[in-house]
């Protein structure tokens, strides 16, 4: 599903992170615009998080061929539904994910939630047996891209490249 860049972009525009921050977290959090903010010369300030925008989500999904809805309002393409599972490892995350799921439904996504205990969820992530991993990493003194984004770590178990990012040009920049 996520091999198609248009699906990835549509999905990003379908996530109402601001609503989670304002309603569930009562404004006590702030959305980072990128995963490596605050690293001085290593920070690329031109990178911005995509805001919730149903119209843009619909446009990207349509480009990927997802332009019809079933009786539940979920986008379909042929005999497939635009459905994916979010795996996570803490019950405290459930209220956040419920809001994301309900907002994503407006864009036509069936977002299924799969709560595991923390050890099982992390094992599932490392073994690459997930569609979407919902978790947080802590920061380090300097940004470290190799473990999370190098092609060397894609499609292998027991690596931190949980998204299986496999972009040869990006890997050259990381090296």
Protein backbone atom coordinates (compact mmCIF):
# COMPACT_ATOMS: atom_id res chain seq x y z
CA UNK A 1 0.00 0.00 0.00
CA UNK A 2 2.67 2.52 1.00
CA UNK A 3 4.95 1.82 -1.97
CA UNK A 4 2.87 4.43 -3.80
CA UNK A 5 4.10 7.93 -2.93
CA UNK A 6 0.63 9.37 -3.54
CA UNK A 7 -0.81 7.02 -0.90
CA UNK A 8 1.90 8.09 1.55
CA UNK A 9 1.14 11.76 0.91
CA UNK A 10 -2.61 11.22 1.15
CA UNK A 11 -2.11 9.38 4.40
CA UNK A 12 -0.01 12.22 5.84
CA UNK A 13 -2.70 14.78 4.99
CA UNK A 14 -5.27 12.49 6.67
CA UNK A 15 -3.65 12.62 10.10
CA UNK A 16 -5.14 15.31 12.34
CA UNK A 17 -2.22 15.62 14.74
CA UNK A 18 -3.28 19.10 15.86
CA UNK A 19 -6.66 17.76 17.03
CA UNK A 20 -4.86 15.09 19.08
CA UNK A 21 -2.62 17.74 20.64
CA UNK A 22 -5.44 20.17 21.38
CA UNK A 23 -8.17 17.77 22.51
CA UNK A 24 -6.53 14.65 23.88
CA UNK A 25 -3.31 16.19 25.16
CA UNK A 26 -4.98 19.52 26.14
CA UNK A 27 -2.37 21.59 24.36
CA UNK A 28 0.47 20.32 26.53
CA UNK A 29 2.50 19.09 23.55
CA UNK A 30 3.94 20.75 20.48
CA UNK A 31 4.17 19.23 17.03
CA UNK A 32 7.70 18.99 15.69
CA UNK A 33 8.04 19.94 12.05
CA UNK A 34 10.69 17.27 11.44
CA UNK A 35 12.40 14.53 13.42
CA UNK A 36 15.68 16.42 13.69
CA UNK A 37 14.78 19.90 14.91
CA UNK A 38 17.07 21.69 17.32
CA UNK A 39 20.36 20.38 15.95
CA UNK A 40 21.80 23.71 14.83
CA UNK A 41 23.58 23.35 11.48
CA UNK A 42 22.09 19.85 11.09
CA UNK A 43 18.54 21.24 11.13
CA UNK A 44 16.83 21.70 7.78
CA UNK A 45 14.17 24.30 8.53
CA UNK A 46 12.61 24.00 5.08
CA UNK A 47 11.13 20.61 6.04
CA UNK A 48 7.61 21.06 7.40
CA UNK A 49 5.06 18.56 8.67
CA UNK A 50 2.00 18.26 6.46
CA UNK A 51 -1.14 19.66 8.07
CA UNK A 52 -4.49 17.88 8.14
CA UNK A 53 -6.20 18.63 4.82
CA UNK A 54 -8.98 16.32 3.64
CA UNK A 55 -9.06 17.87 0.16
CA UNK A 56 -5.34 17.30 -0.43
CA UNK A 57 -5.65 13.77 0.97
CA UNK A 58 -8.48 13.02 -1.48
CA UNK A 59 -6.44 14.44 -4.38
CA UNK A 60 -3.43 12.24 -3.61
CA UNK A 61 -5.55 9.15 -3.07
CA UNK A 62 -7.32 9.78 -6.40
CA UNK A 63 -3.93 10.03 -8.15
CA UNK A 64 -3.19 6.57 -6.73
CA UNK A 65 -6.51 5.22 -8.04
CA UNK A 66 -8.41 5.33 -4.74
CA UNK A 67 -11.42 7.41 -5.78
CA UNK A 68 -14.55 5.38 -4.97
CA UNK A 69 -16.04 4.75 -1.53
CA UNK A 70 -17.82 1.73 -0.13
CA UNK A 71 -20.95 1.87 2.05
CA UNK A 72 -18.84 2.65 5.12
CA UNK A 73 -17.17 5.63 3.43
CA UNK A 74 -13.82 3.86 3.02
CA UNK A 75 -11.98 4.30 -0.26
CA UNK A 76 -11.83 1.29 -2.56
CA UNK A 77 -9.79 0.33 -5.60
CA UNK A 78 -11.02 -2.77 -7.35
CA UNK A 79 -11.80 -5.25 -4.60
CA UNK A 80 -9.41 -3.68 -2.05
CA UNK A 81 -10.18 -1.16 0.69
CA UNK A 82 -7.82 1.60 1.79
CA UNK A 83 -7.10 -0.09 5.09
CA UNK A 84 -4.01 -0.37 7.25
CA UNK A 85 -3.15 -1.42 10.80
CA UNK A 86 -1.36 0.72 13.38
CA UNK A 87 0.50 -1.36 15.95
CA UNK A 88 1.38 0.24 19.27
CA UNK A 89 2.54 -0.81 22.71
CA UNK A 90 0.91 1.37 25.36
CA UNK A 91 -2.75 1.71 26.35
CA UNK A 92 -2.11 5.40 27.07
CA UNK A 93 -1.77 5.91 23.30
CA UNK A 94 -5.26 4.58 22.54
CA UNK A 95 -7.13 7.91 22.93
CA UNK A 96 -4.66 9.57 20.54
CA UNK A 97 -5.04 6.84 17.96
CA UNK A 98 -8.84 6.81 18.23
CA UNK A 99 -8.89 10.49 17.25
CA UNK A 100 -6.47 9.85 14.36
CA UNK A 101 -8.61 6.89 13.23
CA UNK A 102 -11.87 8.87 13.29
CA UNK A 103 -10.35 11.83 11.47
CA UNK A 104 -8.69 9.57 8.87
CA UNK A 105 -12.06 8.00 8.17
CA UNK A 106 -13.16 11.39 6.79
CA UNK A 107 -10.49 10.98 4.12
CA UNK A 108 -11.59 7.41 3.42
CA UNK A 109 -9.01 5.42 5.41
CA UNK A 110 -9.88 2.41 7.51
CA UNK A 111 -7.28 2.68 10.27
CA UNK A 112 -7.24 -0.45 12.40
CA UNK A 113 -5.66 -0.24 15.85
CA UNK A 114 -3.60 -3.12 17.27
CA UNK A 115 -2.49 -2.76 20.88
CA UNK A 116 0.22 -5.15 22.06
CA UNK A 117 2.17 -5.10 25.31
CA UNK A 118 5.30 -2.95 25.03
CA UNK A 119 7.77 -5.84 24.64
CA UNK A 120 5.66 -7.57 21.98
CA UNK A 121 5.11 -4.37 20.03
CA UNK A 122 8.82 -3.55 19.95
CA UNK A 123 9.64 -7.12 18.90
CA UNK A 124 7.02 -6.85 16.14
CA UNK A 125 8.60 -3.59 14.96
CA UNK A 126 12.14 -4.99 14.93
CA UNK A 127 10.99 -8.09 13.05
CA UNK A 128 9.24 -5.83 10.50
CA UNK A 129 5.88 -7.52 11.11
CA UNK A 130 3.91 -4.27 11.19
CA UNK A 131 2.29 -1.96 8.67
CA UNK A 132 2.57 1.20 10.79
CA UNK A 133 4.51 1.48 14.04
CA UNK A 134 3.21 4.09 16.48
CA UNK A 135 5.97 4.85 18.96
CA UNK A 136 8.49 7.48 19.96
CA UNK A 137 12.27 7.60 19.93
CA UNK A 138 14.32 9.73 22.26
CA UNK A 139 16.78 12.25 20.88
CA UNK A 140 20.53 11.98 20.79
CA UNK A 141 23.35 14.51 20.96
CA UNK A 142 23.59 14.57 17.15
CA UNK A 143 21.10 13.34 14.58
CA UNK A 144 21.93 9.81 13.50
CA UNK A 145 20.37 8.82 10.21
CA UNK A 146 22.20 5.62 9.35
CA UNK A 147 20.34 3.30 11.71
CA UNK A 148 16.88 4.63 10.90
CA UNK A 149 17.10 5.47 7.21
CA UNK A 150 20.01 3.75 5.48
CA UNK A 151 19.24 1.16 2.80
CA UNK A 152 21.78 -1.04 4.60
CA UNK A 153 19.16 -1.53 7.32
CA UNK A 154 16.05 -1.92 5.17
CA UNK A 155 14.22 -5.22 4.77
CA UNK A 156 16.18 -6.77 7.63
CA UNK A 157 15.05 -7.73 11.10
CA UNK A 158 16.62 -6.34 14.26
CA UNK A 159 17.41 -2.89 12.83
CA UNK A 160 16.03 0.54 13.72
CA UNK A 161 14.93 1.18 10.13
CA UNK A 162 11.33 0.42 11.10
CA UNK A 163 9.93 2.12 7.99
CA UNK A 164 12.14 0.00 5.68
CA UNK A 165 13.36 3.19 4.02
CA UNK A 166 15.35 2.01 1.02
CA UNK A 167 16.48 5.03 -0.96
CA UNK A 168 19.94 4.72 -2.52
CA UNK A 169 20.34 8.49 -2.99
CA UNK A 170 19.42 9.15 0.64
CA UNK A 171 21.89 6.47 1.73
CA UNK A 172 24.66 8.24 -0.19
CA UNK A 173 23.89 11.46 1.69
CA UNK A 174 23.87 9.59 5.00
CA UNK A 175 27.29 8.10 4.27
